[in-house]
Structures are given as C-alpha cells and as structure tokens.
N, C-alpha and C. Protein backbone atom coordinates (compact mmCIF):
# COMPACT_ATOMS: atom_id res chain seq x y z
N MET A 1 -27.62 6.24 -2.72
CA MET A 1 -27.14 5.79 -4.15
C MET A 1 -25.82 4.64 -3.58
N GLU A 2 -25.84 3.80 -4.13
CA GLU A 2 -24.54 3.05 -4.08
C GLU A 2 -23.77 2.80 -5.58
N LEU A 3 -22.40 3.12 -5.17
CA LEU A 3 -21.60 3.10 -6.56
C LEU A 3 -20.99 1.67 -6.61
N ARG A 4 -21.01 0.93 -7.44
CA ARG A 4 -20.10 -0.38 -7.61
C ARG A 4 -19.16 -0.36 -8.89
N MET A 5 -18.17 -0.91 -8.34
CA MET A 5 -16.93 -0.79 -9.44
C MET A 5 -17.04 -2.13 -10.07
N SER A 6 -16.89 -2.01 -11.40
CA SER A 6 -16.82 -3.29 -12.34
C SER A 6 -15.48 -4.06 -11.91
N LEU A 7 -15.56 -5.29 -12.03
CA LEU A 7 -14.37 -6.40 -11.84
C LEU A 7 -13.09 -5.65 -12.73
N ARG A 8 -13.44 -5.18 -13.88
CA ARG A 8 -12.16 -4.79 -14.61
C ARG A 8 -11.61 -3.34 -14.27
N ARG A 9 -12.64 -2.73 -13.45
CA ARG A 9 -12.20 -1.32 -13.06
C ARG A 9 -11.45 -1.67 -11.53
N SER A 10 -12.01 -2.70 -11.20
CA SER A 10 -11.01 -3.16 -9.93
C SER A 10 -9.62 -3.59 -10.13
N TYR A 11 -9.67 -4.52 -11.24
CA TYR A 11 -8.33 -4.98 -11.57
C TYR A 11 -7.37 -3.67 -12.11
N GLN A 12 -8.12 -2.76 -12.72
CA GLN A 12 -7.34 -1.63 -12.94
C GLN A 12 -6.76 -0.61 -11.91
N THR A 13 -7.62 -0.43 -10.82
CA THR A 13 -7.24 0.13 -9.60
C THR A 13 -6.22 -0.71 -8.95
N LEU A 14 -6.21 -2.04 -8.93
CA LEU A 14 -5.10 -2.79 -8.16
C LEU A 14 -3.91 -2.68 -8.94
N ARG A 15 -3.94 -2.68 -10.19
CA ARG A 15 -2.75 -2.32 -11.17
C ARG A 15 -1.93 -1.33 -10.68
N LYS A 16 -2.88 -0.08 -10.66
CA LYS A 16 -2.40 1.10 -10.24
C LYS A 16 -1.69 1.22 -9.03
N MET A 17 -2.52 0.85 -7.95
CA MET A 17 -1.90 0.62 -6.65
C MET A 17 -0.59 -0.15 -6.61
N ASN A 18 -0.55 -1.38 -7.45
CA ASN A 18 0.79 -1.94 -7.42
C ASN A 18 2.00 -1.24 -8.26
N ASN A 19 1.60 -0.08 -8.72
CA ASN A 19 2.53 0.58 -9.67
C ASN A 19 2.93 -0.12 -10.89
N LEU A 20 2.03 -0.72 -11.39
CA LEU A 20 2.44 -1.33 -12.60
C LEU A 20 1.88 -0.56 -13.81
N LYS A 21 2.63 -0.31 -14.75
CA LYS A 21 2.43 0.60 -16.01
C LYS A 21 1.51 -0.41 -16.96
N LEU A 22 0.80 0.52 -17.83
CA LEU A 22 0.41 -0.41 -18.78
C LEU A 22 1.14 -1.06 -19.76
N ARG A 23 2.28 -0.38 -20.05
CA ARG A 23 3.16 -1.13 -20.88
C ARG A 23 3.98 -2.25 -20.49
N GLN A 24 4.22 -2.24 -19.19
CA GLN A 24 4.83 -3.29 -18.39
C GLN A 24 3.94 -4.62 -18.54
N VAL A 25 2.84 -4.30 -18.40
CA VAL A 25 1.62 -5.61 -18.19
C VAL A 25 1.29 -6.11 -19.49
N ALA A 26 1.04 -4.98 -20.58
CA ALA A 26 0.94 -5.38 -22.02
C ALA A 26 2.01 -6.07 -22.65
N ASN A 27 3.27 -5.89 -22.35
CA ASN A 27 4.46 -6.64 -22.88
C ASN A 27 4.74 -7.84 -22.30
N ARG A 28 4.30 -8.18 -20.94
CA ARG A 28 3.91 -9.32 -20.29
C ARG A 28 3.31 -10.25 -20.78
N ILE A 29 2.06 -9.82 -21.13
CA ILE A 29 0.86 -10.55 -21.67
C ILE A 29 1.10 -10.73 -23.30
N GLY A 30 1.71 -10.07 -23.89
CA GLY A 30 1.76 -9.90 -25.33
C GLY A 30 1.03 -9.29 -26.11
N ILE A 31 0.54 -8.18 -25.62
CA ILE A 31 -0.58 -7.34 -26.47
C ILE A 31 -0.12 -5.94 -26.41
N SER A 32 -0.94 -5.15 -27.32
CA SER A 32 -0.68 -3.71 -27.37
C SER A 32 -1.28 -2.99 -26.02
N VAL A 33 -0.34 -1.80 -25.68
CA VAL A 33 -0.99 -1.02 -24.85
C VAL A 33 -2.20 -0.40 -24.94
N PRO A 34 -2.72 -0.11 -26.21
CA PRO A 34 -3.96 0.32 -26.50
C PRO A 34 -5.19 -1.04 -26.21
N MET A 35 -4.66 -2.16 -26.55
CA MET A 35 -5.61 -3.07 -26.25
C MET A 35 -5.87 -3.32 -24.83
N LEU A 36 -4.90 -3.35 -24.08
CA LEU A 36 -4.80 -3.53 -22.53
C LEU A 36 -5.66 -2.41 -22.14
N SER A 37 -5.79 -1.10 -22.58
CA SER A 37 -6.44 -0.18 -21.92
C SER A 37 -7.91 -0.31 -22.24
N MET A 38 -8.26 -0.78 -23.72
CA MET A 38 -9.57 -1.19 -24.16
C MET A 38 -9.93 -2.25 -23.20
N TYR A 39 -9.35 -3.33 -22.84
CA TYR A 39 -9.74 -4.33 -21.91
C TYR A 39 -10.33 -3.50 -20.71
N GLU A 40 -9.30 -3.11 -20.00
CA GLU A 40 -9.76 -2.44 -18.51
C GLU A 40 -10.93 -1.71 -18.60
N ASN A 41 -11.06 -0.81 -19.75
CA ASN A 41 -12.41 -0.06 -19.87
C ASN A 41 -13.71 -0.79 -20.56
N GLU A 42 -13.45 -1.93 -20.46
CA GLU A 42 -14.70 -2.97 -20.84
C GLU A 42 -15.16 -2.52 -22.35
N ILE A 43 -14.07 -2.57 -23.33
CA ILE A 43 -14.41 -2.29 -24.81
C ILE A 43 -14.08 -3.64 -25.40
N VAL A 44 -13.29 -4.49 -25.12
CA VAL A 44 -12.71 -5.48 -25.87
C VAL A 44 -12.51 -6.58 -24.78
N ASN A 45 -12.34 -7.78 -25.13
CA ASN A 45 -12.06 -9.16 -24.17
C ASN A 45 -10.72 -9.45 -24.63
N LEU A 46 -10.16 -10.25 -23.70
CA LEU A 46 -8.98 -11.02 -23.92
C LEU A 46 -9.18 -12.24 -24.24
N SER A 47 -8.04 -13.23 -24.68
CA SER A 47 -8.25 -14.68 -24.55
C SER A 47 -8.51 -15.14 -23.26
N LYS A 48 -8.72 -16.24 -22.91
CA LYS A 48 -8.64 -16.70 -21.48
C LYS A 48 -7.46 -16.84 -21.04
N GLU A 49 -6.43 -17.28 -21.77
CA GLU A 49 -5.04 -17.39 -21.47
C GLU A 49 -4.48 -16.12 -21.08
N LYS A 50 -4.70 -15.10 -21.66
CA LYS A 50 -3.82 -13.82 -21.57
C LYS A 50 -4.56 -13.19 -20.40
N GLU A 51 -5.99 -13.39 -20.13
CA GLU A 51 -6.66 -12.66 -19.04
C GLU A 51 -6.24 -13.44 -17.76
N ILE A 52 -5.78 -14.60 -17.71
CA ILE A 52 -5.16 -15.25 -16.52
C ILE A 52 -3.83 -14.79 -16.34
N ILE A 53 -3.06 -14.53 -17.31
CA ILE A 53 -2.08 -14.22 -17.13
C ILE A 53 -1.93 -12.74 -16.23
N TYR A 54 -2.70 -11.94 -16.99
CA TYR A 54 -3.24 -10.40 -16.52
C TYR A 54 -3.51 -10.41 -14.93
N ARG A 55 -4.39 -11.35 -14.56
CA ARG A 55 -4.88 -11.43 -13.13
C ARG A 55 -3.70 -11.81 -12.29
N GLU A 56 -2.92 -12.86 -12.78
CA GLU A 56 -1.86 -13.29 -12.02
C GLU A 56 -0.88 -12.14 -11.87
N MET A 57 -0.59 -11.48 -12.77
CA MET A 57 0.48 -10.50 -12.54
C MET A 57 0.15 -9.55 -11.63
N ILE A 58 -1.05 -8.87 -11.81
CA ILE A 58 -1.50 -7.95 -11.06
C ILE A 58 -1.97 -8.20 -9.70
N MET A 59 -2.02 -9.43 -9.59
CA MET A 59 -2.45 -9.84 -8.10
C MET A 59 -1.39 -10.34 -7.21
N THR A 60 -0.23 -10.62 -7.83
CA THR A 60 0.92 -11.62 -7.15
C THR A 60 2.19 -10.44 -7.38
N HIS A 61 2.17 -9.28 -7.88
CA HIS A 61 3.07 -8.26 -7.92
C HIS A 61 3.73 -7.71 -6.72
N LYS A 62 4.87 -7.81 -6.72
CA LYS A 62 5.74 -7.22 -5.52
C LYS A 62 6.61 -6.33 -6.08
N GLU A 63 6.85 -5.13 -5.26
CA GLU A 63 7.55 -4.17 -5.40
C GLU A 63 8.95 -4.47 -5.40
C-alpha cells in the first residue's frame, strides 16, 4: 500500500522542518492562526495572493 501526502500536508511538513510557527506565517500573510491551520488541514482555501505569500515564505525561509 502506498501512502501519499497531499500538497498542503507537504507544505505543513516543510513549514515545520523550517521551524516556522503557525503564528509567524499567519501574521505575515495577514490571516488568523486558526484559518492557517484549517488551510493546512484542507478545510478552507486561501485567496491566490495569500497562498502565493504562504508558499514563498515556507519555501525560501532561512534560519
């Protein structure tokens, strides 16, 4: 059996690997922490603009 991780779960994993807290990312994007959590758990969608900021932040973050 093959287990596949969804794209948003992959983003969540990458965010955690980069030691980015939900609060840090949510503040940068301009949304609430619960909203970001719901996005990562595939309950809600973000606007395209906010989704782009989210992706750029987690993919380019440097410690």
